[in-house]
Amino acid sequence: AEQAARPGAVEATAMEKENRQLRARVKELELEREILRRA
């Protein structure tokens, strides 16, 4: 509740969500690259 009350909290949480998604995508791509390298 305190975080949501801060100004700009909505943008920050949206950015954090996007960062989490991007980090997950990077992790997935790194795994794919490793599989292809080994193959």
PDB file of all heavy atoms in Angstrom:
ATOM      1  N   ALA A   1       0.833  -1.205   0.000  1.00  0.00           N
ATOM      2  CA  ALA A   1       0.000   0.000   0.000  1.00  0.00           C
ATOM      3  C   ALA A   1       0.866   1.253   0.000  1.00  0.00           C
ATOM      4  O   ALA A   1       0.546   2.231  -0.691  1.00  0.00           O
ATOM      5  CB  ALA A   1      -0.931  -0.003   1.216  1.00  0.00           C
ATOM      6  N   GLU A   2       1.961   1.227   0.738  1.00  0.00           N
ATOM      7  CA  GLU A   2       2.852   2.389   0.775  1.00  0.00           C
ATOM      8  C   GLU A   2       3.549   2.588  -0.566  1.00  0.00           C
ATOM      9  O   GLU A   2       3.736   3.715  -1.009  1.00  0.00           O
ATOM     10  CB  GLU A   2       3.866   2.241   1.905  1.00  0.00           C
ATOM     11  CG  GLU A   2       3.256   2.413   3.289  1.00  0.00           C
ATOM     12  CD  GLU A   2       4.196   2.052   4.429  1.00  0.00           C
ATOM     13  OE1 GLU A   2       5.301   1.521   4.157  1.00  0.00           O
ATOM     14  OE2 GLU A   2       3.816   2.296   5.585  1.00  0.00           O
ATOM     15  N   GLN A   3       3.927   1.502  -1.204  1.00  0.00           N
ATOM     16  CA  GLN A   3       4.562   1.618  -2.518  1.00  0.00           C
ATOM     17  C   GLN A   3       3.579   2.145  -3.556  1.00  0.00           C
ATOM     18  O   GLN A   3       3.937   2.941  -4.416  1.00  0.00           O
ATOM     19  CB  GLN A   3       5.121   0.268  -2.969  1.00  0.00           C
ATOM     20  CG  GLN A   3       6.378  -0.128  -2.253  1.00  0.00           C
ATOM     21  CD  GLN A   3       6.891  -1.494  -2.695  1.00  0.00           C
ATOM     22  OE1 GLN A   3       6.222  -2.207  -3.435  1.00  0.00           O
ATOM     23  NE2 GLN A   3       8.067  -1.857  -2.216  1.00  0.00           N
ATOM     24  N   ALA A   4       2.328   1.689  -3.480  1.00  0.00           N
ATOM     25  CA  ALA A   4       1.309   2.132  -4.433  1.00  0.00           C
ATOM     26  C   ALA A   4       0.963   3.607  -4.224  1.00  0.00           C
ATOM     27  O   ALA A   4       0.547   4.290  -5.166  1.00  0.00           O
ATOM     28  CB  ALA A   4       0.060   1.276  -4.294  1.00  0.00           C
ATOM     29  N   ALA A   5       1.128   4.114  -2.998  1.00  0.00           N
ATOM     30  CA  ALA A   5       0.793   5.501  -2.696  1.00  0.00           C
ATOM     31  C   ALA A   5       1.858   6.484  -3.182  1.00  0.00           C
ATOM     32  O   ALA A   5       1.579   7.665  -3.324  1.00  0.00           O
ATOM     33  CB  ALA A   5       0.594   5.667  -1.194  1.00  0.00           C
ATOM     34  N   ARG A   6       3.054   5.989  -3.450  1.00  0.00           N
ATOM     35  CA  ARG A   6       4.123   6.870  -3.923  1.00  0.00           C
ATOM     36  C   ARG A   6       3.821   7.366  -5.330  1.00  0.00           C
ATOM     37  O   ARG A   6       3.290   6.618  -6.147  1.00  0.00           O
ATOM     38  CB  ARG A   6       5.460   6.137  -3.954  1.00  0.00           C
ATOM     39  CG  ARG A   6       6.089   5.974  -2.599  1.00  0.00           C
ATOM     40  CD  ARG A   6       7.457   5.378  -2.728  1.00  0.00           C
ATOM     41  NE  ARG A   6       7.306   4.040  -3.307  1.00  0.00           N
ATOM     42  CZ  ARG A   6       8.278   3.332  -3.835  1.00  0.00           C
ATOM     43  NH1 ARG A   6       9.490   3.822  -3.888  1.00  0.00           N
ATOM     44  NH2 ARG A   6       8.071   2.134  -4.323  1.00  0.00           N
ATOM     45  N   PRO A   7       4.172   8.634  -5.632  1.00  0.00           N
ATOM     46  CA  PRO A   7       3.973   9.122  -6.999  1.00  0.00           C
ATOM     47  C   PRO A   7       4.887   8.368  -7.956  1.00  0.00           C
ATOM     48  O   PRO A   7       6.037   8.085  -7.652  1.00  0.00           O
ATOM     49  CB  PRO A   7       4.364  10.600  -6.934  1.00  0.00           C
ATOM     50  CG  PRO A   7       4.837  10.861  -5.557  1.00  0.00           C
ATOM     51  CD  PRO A   7       4.683   9.629  -4.745  1.00  0.00           C
ATOM     52  N   GLY A   8       4.349   8.030  -9.093  1.00  0.00           N
ATOM     53  CA  GLY A   8       5.122   7.293 -10.092  1.00  0.00           C
ATOM     54  C   GLY A   8       5.201   5.811  -9.819  1.00  0.00           C
ATOM     55  O   GLY A   8       5.944   5.102 -10.476  1.00  0.00           O
ATOM     56  N   ALA A   9       4.448   5.321  -8.846  1.00  0.00           N
ATOM     57  CA  ALA A   9       4.519   3.904  -8.497  1.00  0.00           C
ATOM     58  C   ALA A   9       3.981   3.021  -9.609  1.00  0.00           C
ATOM     59  O   ALA A   9       4.491   1.935  -9.855  1.00  0.00           O
ATOM     60  CB  ALA A   9       3.757   3.638  -7.206  1.00  0.00           C
ATOM     61  N   VAL A  10       2.963   3.516 -10.301  1.00  0.00           N
ATOM     62  CA  VAL A  10       2.365   2.718 -11.375  1.00  0.00           C
ATOM     63  C   VAL A  10       3.371   2.515 -12.498  1.00  0.00           C
ATOM     64  O   VAL A  10       3.529   1.405 -13.007  1.00  0.00           O
ATOM     65  CB  VAL A  10       1.076   3.398 -11.900  1.00  0.00           C
ATOM     66  CG1 VAL A  10       0.522   2.654 -13.088  1.00  0.00           C
ATOM     67  CG2 VAL A  10       0.047   3.487 -10.792  1.00  0.00           C
ATOM     68  N   GLU A  11       4.062   3.588 -12.866  1.00  0.00           N
ATOM     69  CA  GLU A  11       5.064   3.459 -13.921  1.00  0.00           C
ATOM     70  C   GLU A  11       6.213   2.561 -13.479  1.00  0.00           C
ATOM     71  O   GLU A  11       6.735   1.787 -14.261  1.00  0.00           O
ATOM     72  CB  GLU A  11       5.614   4.844 -14.315  1.00  0.00           C
ATOM     73  CG  GLU A  11       4.605   5.776 -14.931  1.00  0.00           C
ATOM     74  CD  GLU A  11       3.831   6.569 -13.905  1.00  0.00           C
ATOM     75  OE1 GLU A  11       4.294   6.681 -12.746  1.00  0.00           O
ATOM     76  OE2 GLU A  11       2.749   7.055 -14.241  1.00  0.00           O
ATOM     77  N   ALA A  12       6.600   2.685 -12.200  1.00  0.00           N
ATOM     78  CA  ALA A  12       7.704   1.868 -11.690  1.00  0.00           C
ATOM     79  C   ALA A  12       7.326   0.398 -11.699  1.00  0.00           C
ATOM     80  O   ALA A  12       8.132  -0.442 -12.105  1.00  0.00           O
ATOM     81  CB  ALA A  12       8.083   2.308 -10.276  1.00  0.00           C
ATOM     82  N   THR A  13       6.105   0.084 -11.271  1.00  0.00           N
ATOM     83  CA  THR A  13       5.712  -1.326 -11.261  1.00  0.00           C
ATOM     84  C   THR A  13       5.570  -1.856 -12.677  1.00  0.00           C
ATOM     85  O   THR A  13       5.894  -3.008 -12.935  1.00  0.00           O
ATOM     86  CB  THR A  13       4.392  -1.531 -10.483  1.00  0.00           C
ATOM     87  OG1 THR A  13       3.374  -0.724 -11.059  1.00  0.00           O
ATOM     88  CG2 THR A  13       4.562  -1.203  -9.017  1.00  0.00           C
ATOM     89  N   ALA A  14       5.115  -1.016 -13.606  1.00  0.00           N
ATOM     90  CA  ALA A  14       5.023  -1.448 -15.002  1.00  0.00           C
ATOM     91  C   ALA A  14       6.419  -1.711 -15.559  1.00  0.00           C
ATOM     92  O   ALA A  14       6.643  -2.692 -16.274  1.00  0.00           O
ATOM     93  CB  ALA A  14       4.301  -0.400 -15.835  1.00  0.00           C
ATOM     94  N   MET A  15       7.362  -0.851 -15.193  1.00  0.00           N
ATOM     95  CA  MET A  15       8.730  -1.025 -15.656  1.00  0.00           C
ATOM     96  C   MET A  15       9.359  -2.274 -15.025  1.00  0.00           C
ATOM     97  O   MET A  15      10.061  -3.024 -15.702  1.00  0.00           O
ATOM     98  CB  MET A  15       9.571   0.210 -15.318  1.00  0.00           C
ATOM     99  CG  MET A  15      10.929   0.209 -15.987  1.00  0.00           C
ATOM    100  SD  MET A  15      11.874   1.695 -15.649  1.00  0.00           S
ATOM    101  CE  MET A  15      10.862   2.924 -16.451  1.00  0.00           C
ATOM    102  N   GLU A  16       9.083  -2.490 -13.743  1.00  0.00           N
ATOM    103  CA  GLU A  16       9.597  -3.683 -13.074  1.00  0.00           C
ATOM    104  C   GLU A  16       9.035  -4.946 -13.712  1.00  0.00           C
ATOM    105  O   GLU A  16       9.757  -5.932 -13.904  1.00  0.00           O
ATOM    106  CB  GLU A  16       9.256  -3.643 -11.592  1.00  0.00           C
ATOM    107  CG  GLU A  16      10.031  -2.611 -10.807  1.00  0.00           C
ATOM    108  CD  GLU A  16       9.509  -2.412  -9.396  1.00  0.00           C
ATOM    109  OE1 GLU A  16       8.537  -3.094  -9.006  1.00  0.00           O
ATOM    110  OE2 GLU A  16      10.072  -1.572  -8.677  1.00  0.00           O
ATOM    111  N   LYS A  17       7.761  -4.903 -14.063  1.00  0.00           N
ATOM    112  CA  LYS A  17       7.135  -6.059 -14.718  1.00  0.00           C
ATOM    113  C   LYS A  17       7.791  -6.319 -16.072  1.00  0.00           C
ATOM    114  O   LYS A  17       8.104  -7.465 -16.412  1.00  0.00           O
ATOM    115  CB  LYS A  17       5.638  -5.807 -14.899  1.00  0.00           C
ATOM    116  CG  LYS A  17       4.896  -6.948 -15.533  1.00  0.00           C
ATOM    117  CD  LYS A  17       3.417  -6.635 -15.681  1.00  0.00           C
ATOM    118  CE  LYS A  17       2.703  -7.770 -16.374  1.00  0.00           C
ATOM    119  NZ  LYS A  17       1.292  -7.457 -16.606  1.00  0.00           N
ATOM    120  N   GLU A  18       8.002  -5.251 -16.833  1.00  0.00           N
ATOM    121  CA  GLU A  18       8.659  -5.392 -18.131  1.00  0.00           C
ATOM    122  C   GLU A  18      10.082  -5.918 -17.958  1.00  0.00           C
ATOM    123  O   GLU A  18      10.531  -6.782 -18.725  1.00  0.00           O
ATOM    124  CB  GLU A  18       8.684  -4.055 -18.866  1.00  0.00           C
ATOM    125  CG  GLU A  18       9.280  -4.154 -20.255  1.00  0.00           C
ATOM    126  CD  GLU A  18       9.325  -2.822 -20.978  1.00  0.00           C
ATOM    127  OE1 GLU A  18       9.006  -1.782 -20.363  1.00  0.00           O
ATOM    128  OE2 GLU A  18       9.705  -2.825 -22.159  1.00  0.00           O
ATOM    129  N   ASN A  19      10.803  -5.416 -16.942  1.00  0.00           N
ATOM    130  CA  ASN A  19      12.163  -5.904 -16.676  1.00  0.00           C
ATOM    131  C   ASN A  19      12.168  -7.386 -16.345  1.00  0.00           C
ATOM    132  O   ASN A  19      13.042  -8.126 -16.806  1.00  0.00           O
ATOM    133  CB  ASN A  19      12.804  -5.111 -15.538  1.00  0.00           C
ATOM    134  CG  ASN A  19      13.322  -3.767 -16.001  1.00  0.00           C
ATOM    135  OD1 ASN A  19      13.493  -3.535 -17.186  1.00  0.00           O
ATOM    136  ND2 ASN A  19      13.547  -2.878 -15.055  1.00  0.00           N
ATOM    137  N   ARG A  20      11.199  -7.831 -15.539  1.00  0.00           N
ATOM    138  CA  ARG A  20      11.109  -9.265 -15.214  1.00  0.00           C
ATOM    139  C   ARG A  20      10.875 -10.085 -16.475  1.00  0.00           C
ATOM    140  O   ARG A  20      11.497 -11.134 -16.674  1.00  0.00           O
ATOM    141  CB  ARG A  20       9.983  -9.514 -14.219  1.00  0.00           C
ATOM    142  CG  ARG A  20      10.365  -9.286 -12.782  1.00  0.00           C
ATOM    143  CD  ARG A  20       9.334  -9.876 -11.830  1.00  0.00           C
ATOM    144  NE  ARG A  20       7.984  -9.422 -12.091  1.00  0.00           N
ATOM    145  CZ  ARG A  20       7.424  -8.310 -11.590  1.00  0.00           C
ATOM    146  NH1 ARG A  20       8.139  -7.535 -10.791  1.00  0.00           N
ATOM    147  NH2 ARG A  20       6.194  -7.979 -11.879  1.00  0.00           N
ATOM    148  N   GLN A  21       9.973  -9.605 -17.339  1.00  0.00           N
ATOM    149  CA  GLN A  21       9.693 -10.319 -18.584  1.00  0.00           C
ATOM    150  C   GLN A  21      10.921 -10.360 -19.478  1.00  0.00           C
ATOM    151  O   GLN A  21      11.230 -11.403 -20.069  1.00  0.00           O
ATOM    152  CB  GLN A  21       8.527  -9.658 -19.320  1.00  0.00           C
ATOM    153  CG  GLN A  21       7.189  -9.826 -18.642  1.00  0.00           C
ATOM    154  CD  GLN A  21       6.099  -8.988 -19.304  1.00  0.00           C
ATOM    155  OE1 GLN A  21       6.377  -8.025 -20.016  1.00  0.00           O
ATOM    156  NE2 GLN A  21       4.851  -9.358 -19.045  1.00  0.00           N
ATOM    157  N   LEU A  22      11.620  -9.244 -19.569  1.00  0.00           N
ATOM    158  CA  LEU A  22      12.815  -9.195 -20.411  1.00  0.00           C
ATOM    159  C   LEU A  22      13.930 -10.087 -19.867  1.00  0.00           C
ATOM    160  O   LEU A  22      14.630 -10.758 -20.636  1.00  0.00           O
ATOM    161  CB  LEU A  22      13.303  -7.755 -20.556  1.00  0.00           C
ATOM    162  CG  LEU A  22      12.389  -6.843 -21.379  1.00  0.00           C
ATOM    163  CD1 LEU A  22      12.870  -5.407 -21.303  1.00  0.00           C
ATOM    164  CD2 LEU A  22      12.304  -7.307 -22.817  1.00  0.00           C
ATOM    165  N   ARG A  23      14.081 -10.099 -18.543  1.00  0.00           N
ATOM    166  CA  ARG A  23      15.097 -10.983 -17.949  1.00  0.00           C
ATOM    167  C   ARG A  23      14.770 -12.450 -18.216  1.00  0.00           C
ATOM    168  O   ARG A  23      15.666 -13.250 -18.496  1.00  0.00           O
ATOM    169  CB  ARG A  23      15.199 -10.726 -16.453  1.00  0.00           C
ATOM    170  CG  ARG A  23      15.968  -9.485 -16.120  1.00  0.00           C
ATOM    171  CD  ARG A  23      16.259  -9.381 -14.627  1.00  0.00           C
ATOM    172  NE  ARG A  23      16.977  -8.166 -14.342  1.00  0.00           N
ATOM    173  CZ  ARG A  23      16.432  -7.090 -13.806  1.00  0.00           C
ATOM    174  NH1 ARG A  23      15.155  -7.077 -13.484  1.00  0.00           N
ATOM    175  NH2 ARG A  23      17.158  -6.024 -13.585  1.00  0.00           N
ATOM    176  N   ALA A  24      13.486 -12.794 -18.132  1.00  0.00           N
ATOM    177  CA  ALA A  24      13.078 -14.173 -18.413  1.00  0.00           C
ATOM    178  C   ALA A  24      13.368 -14.517 -19.871  1.00  0.00           C
ATOM    179  O   ALA A  24      13.832 -15.621 -20.185  1.00  0.00           O
ATOM    180  CB  ALA A  24      11.597 -14.360 -18.099  1.00  0.00           C
ATOM    181  N   ARG A  25      13.113 -13.575 -20.778  1.00  0.00           N
ATOM    182  CA  ARG A  25      13.371 -13.802 -22.204  1.00  0.00           C
ATOM    183  C   ARG A  25      14.864 -13.963 -22.465  1.00  0.00           C
ATOM    184  O   ARG A  25      15.283 -14.819 -23.240  1.00  0.00           O
ATOM    185  CB  ARG A  25      12.801 -12.634 -23.010  1.00  0.00           C
ATOM    186  CG  ARG A  25      12.986 -12.760 -24.493  1.00  0.00           C
ATOM    187  CD  ARG A  25      12.168 -13.886 -25.078  1.00  0.00           C
ATOM    188  NE  ARG A  25      12.348 -13.896 -26.515  1.00  0.00           N
ATOM    189  CZ  ARG A  25      12.410 -14.975 -27.236  1.00  0.00           C
ATOM    190  NH1 ARG A  25      12.237 -16.146 -26.667  1.00  0.00           N
ATOM    191  NH2 ARG A  25      12.604 -14.918 -28.520  1.00  0.00           N
ATOM    192  N   VAL A  26      15.682 -13.138 -21.817  1.00  0.00           N
ATOM    193  CA  VAL A  26      17.146 -13.242 -21.963  1.00  0.00           C
ATOM    194  C   VAL A  26      17.618 -14.608 -21.482  1.00  0.00           C
ATOM    195  O   VAL A  26      18.434 -15.264 -22.132  1.00  0.00           O
ATOM    196  CB  VAL A  26      17.857 -12.097 -21.200  1.00  0.00           C
ATOM    197  CG1 VAL A  26      19.343 -12.368 -21.049  1.00  0.00           C
ATOM    198  CG2 VAL A  26      17.627 -10.779 -21.908  1.00  0.00           C
ATOM    199  N   LYS A  27      17.082 -15.044 -20.348  1.00  0.00           N
ATOM    200  CA  LYS A  27      17.463 -16.351 -19.808  1.00  0.00           C
ATOM    201  C   LYS A  27      17.099 -17.468 -20.790  1.00  0.00           C
ATOM    202  O   LYS A  27      17.882 -18.395 -21.027  1.00  0.00           O
ATOM    203  CB  LYS A  27      16.743 -16.563 -18.472  1.00  0.00           C
ATOM    204  CG  LYS A  27      17.330 -17.592 -17.596  1.00  0.00           C
ATOM    205  CD  LYS A  27      16.614 -17.569 -16.255  1.00  0.00           C
ATOM    206  CE  LYS A  27      17.460 -18.168 -15.177  1.00  0.00           C
ATOM    207  NZ  LYS A  27      16.812 -18.140 -13.885  1.00  0.00           N
ATOM    208  N   GLU A  28      15.912 -17.367 -21.383  1.00  0.00           N
ATOM    209  CA  GLU A  28      15.463 -18.356 -22.357  1.00  0.00           C
ATOM    210  C   GLU A  28      16.368 -18.360 -23.585  1.00  0.00           C
ATOM    211  O   GLU A  28      16.785 -19.424 -24.062  1.00  0.00           O
ATOM    212  CB  GLU A  28      14.022 -18.039 -22.768  1.00  0.00           C
ATOM    213  CG  GLU A  28      13.447 -18.971 -23.801  1.00  0.00           C
ATOM    214  CD  GLU A  28      12.058 -18.530 -24.245  1.00  0.00           C
ATOM    215  OE1 GLU A  28      11.510 -17.552 -23.693  1.00  0.00           O
ATOM    216  OE2 GLU A  28      11.523 -19.171 -25.157  1.00  0.00           O
ATOM    217  N   LEU A  29      16.715 -17.176 -24.084  1.00  0.00           N
ATOM    218  CA  LEU A  29      17.585 -17.085 -25.254  1.00  0.00           C
ATOM    219  C   LEU A  29      18.994 -17.591 -24.962  1.00  0.00           C
ATOM    220  O   LEU A  29      19.620 -18.234 -25.817  1.00  0.00           O
ATOM    221  CB  LEU A  29      17.632 -15.640 -25.759  1.00  0.00           C
ATOM    222  CG  LEU A  29      16.335 -15.123 -26.390  1.00  0.00           C
ATOM    223  CD1 LEU A  29      16.452 -13.631 -26.673  1.00  0.00           C
ATOM    224  CD2 LEU A  29      15.985 -15.891 -27.642  1.00  0.00           C
ATOM    225  N   GLU A  30      19.495 -17.328 -23.759  1.00  0.00           N
ATOM    226  CA  GLU A  30      20.812 -17.847 -23.391  1.00  0.00           C
ATOM    227  C   GLU A  30      20.810 -19.364 -23.341  1.00  0.00           C
ATOM    228  O   GLU A  30      21.765 -20.012 -23.765  1.00  0.00           O
ATOM    229  CB  GLU A  30      21.250 -17.266 -22.049  1.00  0.00           C
ATOM    230  CG  GLU A  30      21.662 -15.818 -22.128  1.00  0.00           C
ATOM    231  CD  GLU A  30      21.967 -15.198 -20.775  1.00  0.00           C
ATOM    232  OE1 GLU A  30      21.586 -15.785 -19.731  1.00  0.00           O
ATOM    233  OE2 GLU A  30      22.582 -14.119 -20.755  1.00  0.00           O
ATOM    234  N   LEU A  31      19.732 -19.944 -22.843  1.00  0.00           N
ATOM    235  CA  LEU A  31      19.616 -21.402 -22.806  1.00  0.00           C
ATOM    236  C   LEU A  31      19.577 -21.967 -24.223  1.00  0.00           C
ATOM    237  O   LEU A  31      20.262 -22.952 -24.527  1.00  0.00           O
ATOM    238  CB  LEU A  31      18.363 -21.810 -22.028  1.00  0.00           C
ATOM    239  CG  LEU A  31      18.091 -23.304 -21.954  1.00  0.00           C
ATOM    240  CD1 LEU A  31      19.211 -24.017 -21.198  1.00  0.00           C
ATOM    241  CD2 LEU A  31      16.752 -23.553 -21.282  1.00  0.00           C
ATOM    242  N   GLU A  32      18.784 -21.334 -25.096  1.00  0.00           N
ATOM    243  CA  GLU A  32      18.725 -21.789 -26.490  1.00  0.00           C
ATOM    244  C   GLU A  32      20.087 -21.703 -27.155  1.00  0.00           C
ATOM    245  O   GLU A  32      20.496 -22.605 -27.889  1.00  0.00           O
ATOM    246  CB  GLU A  32      17.702 -20.961 -27.264  1.00  0.00           C
ATOM    247  CG  GLU A  32      16.266 -21.246 -26.888  1.00  0.00           C
ATOM    248  CD  GLU A  32      15.277 -20.331 -27.592  1.00  0.00           C
ATOM    249  OE1 GLU A  32      15.707 -19.526 -28.455  1.00  0.00           O
ATOM    250  OE2 GLU A  32      14.085 -20.428 -27.272  1.00  0.00           O
ATOM    251  N   ARG A  33      20.810 -20.595 -26.911  1.00  0.00           N
ATOM    252  CA  ARG A  33      22.143 -20.424 -27.497  1.00  0.00           C
ATOM    253  C   ARG A  33      23.097 -21.518 -27.015  1.00  0.00           C
ATOM    254  O   ARG A  33      23.874 -22.078 -27.791  1.00  0.00           O
ATOM    255  CB  ARG A  33      22.700 -19.053 -27.148  1.00  0.00           C
ATOM    256  CG  ARG A  33      24.047 -18.794 -27.822  1.00  0.00           C
ATOM    257  CD  ARG A  33      24.650 -17.499 -27.407  1.00  0.00           C
ATOM    258  NE  ARG A  33      24.998 -17.606 -25.983  1.00  0.00           N
ATOM    259  CZ  ARG A  33      25.284 -16.579 -25.220  1.00  0.00           C
ATOM    260  NH1 ARG A  33      25.235 -15.368 -25.691  1.00  0.00           N
ATOM    261  NH2 ARG A  33      25.607 -16.756 -23.950  1.00  0.00           N
ATOM    262  N   GLU A  34      23.013 -21.845 -25.724  1.00  0.00           N
ATOM    263  CA  GLU A  34      23.880 -22.888 -25.173  1.00  0.00           C
ATOM    264  C   GLU A  34      23.564 -24.243 -25.802  1.00  0.00           C
ATOM    265  O   GLU A  34      24.469 -25.011 -26.130  1.00  0.00           O
ATOM    266  CB  GLU A  34      23.710 -22.943 -23.649  1.00  0.00           C
ATOM    267  CG  GLU A  34      24.559 -23.998 -22.976  1.00  0.00           C
ATOM    268  CD  GLU A  34      26.051 -23.759 -23.103  1.00  0.00           C
ATOM    269  OE1 GLU A  34      26.477 -22.615 -23.358  1.00  0.00           O
ATOM    270  OE2 GLU A  34      26.820 -24.725 -22.952  1.00  0.00           O
ATOM    271  N   ILE A  35      22.285 -24.534 -25.993  1.00  0.00           N
ATOM    272  CA  ILE A  35      21.892 -25.797 -26.626  1.00  0.00           C
ATOM    273  C   ILE A  35      22.425 -25.849 -28.053  1.00  0.00           C
ATOM    274  O   ILE A  35      22.990 -26.869 -28.484  1.00  0.00           O
ATOM    275  CB  ILE A  35      20.362 -25.959 -26.596  1.00  0.00           C
ATOM    276  CG1 ILE A  35      19.894 -26.206 -25.166  1.00  0.00           C
ATOM    277  CG2 ILE A  35      19.912 -27.092 -27.512  1.00  0.00           C
ATOM    278  CD1 ILE A  35      18.394 -26.124 -24.978  1.00  0.00           C
ATOM    279  N   LEU A  36      22.268 -24.764 -28.804  1.00  0.00           N
ATOM    280  CA  LEU A  36      22.765 -24.729 -30.181  1.00  0.00           C
ATOM    281  C   LEU A  36      24.287 -24.831 -30.234  1.00  0.00           C
ATOM    282  O   LEU A  36      24.843 -25.487 -31.119  1.00  0.00           O
ATOM    283  CB  LEU A  36      22.293 -23.453 -30.872  1.00  0.00           C
ATOM    284  CG  LEU A  36      20.794 -23.388 -31.170  1.00  0.00           C
ATOM    285  CD1 LEU A  36      20.426 -22.007 -31.684  1.00  0.00           C
ATOM    286  CD2 LEU A  36      20.400 -24.458 -32.171  1.00  0.00           C
ATOM    287  N   ARG A  37      24.969 -24.183 -29.292  1.00  0.00           N
ATOM    288  CA  ARG A  37      26.432 -24.262 -29.245  1.00  0.00           C
ATOM    289  C   ARG A  37      26.888 -25.697 -29.021  1.00  0.00           C
ATOM    290  O   ARG A  37      27.781 -26.201 -29.699  1.00  0.00           O
ATOM    291  CB  ARG A  37      26.970 -23.359 -28.137  1.00  0.00           C
ATOM    292  CG  ARG A  37      28.483 -23.235 -28.114  1.00  0.00           C
ATOM    293  CD  ARG A  37      28.979 -22.435 -26.928  1.00  0.00           C
ATOM    294  NE  ARG A  37      28.752 -23.110 -25.658  1.00  0.00           N
ATOM    295  CZ  ARG A  37      29.473 -24.139 -25.194  1.00  0.00           C
ATOM    296  NH1 ARG A  37      30.462 -24.608 -25.917  1.00  0.00           N
ATOM    297  NH2 ARG A  37      29.203 -24.689 -24.041  1.00  0.00           N
ATOM    298  N   ARG A  38      26.224 -26.370 -28.089  1.00  0.00           N
ATOM    299  CA  ARG A  38      26.591 -27.767 -27.813  1.00  0.00           C
ATOM    300  C   ARG A  38      26.275 -28.674 -28.991  1.00  0.00           C
ATOM    301  O   ARG A  38      27.046 -29.589 -29.300  1.00  0.00           O
ATOM    302  CB  ARG A  38      25.868 -28.262 -26.563  1.00  0.00           C
ATOM    303  CG  ARG A  38      26.415 -27.665 -25.303  1.00  0.00           C
ATOM    304  CD  ARG A  38      25.727 -28.225 -24.095  1.00  0.00           C
ATOM    305  NE  ARG A  38      26.249 -27.632 -22.874  1.00  0.00           N
ATOM    306  CZ  ARG A  38      25.938 -28.043 -21.674  1.00  0.00           C
ATOM    307  NH1 ARG A  38      25.099 -29.038 -21.511  1.00  0.00           N
ATOM    308  NH2 ARG A  38      26.454 -27.462 -20.618  1.00  0.00           N
ATOM    309  N   ALA A  39      25.147 -28.417 -29.653  1.00  0.00           N
ATOM    310  CA  ALA A  39      24.785 -29.224 -30.818  1.00  0.00           C
ATOM    311  C   ALA A  39      25.804 -29.023 -31.938  1.00  0.00           C
ATOM    312  O   ALA A  39      26.233 -29.994 -32.576  1.00  0.00           O
ATOM    313  CB  ALA A  39      23.384 -28.861 -31.294  1.00  0.00           C
TER     314      ALA A  39
END
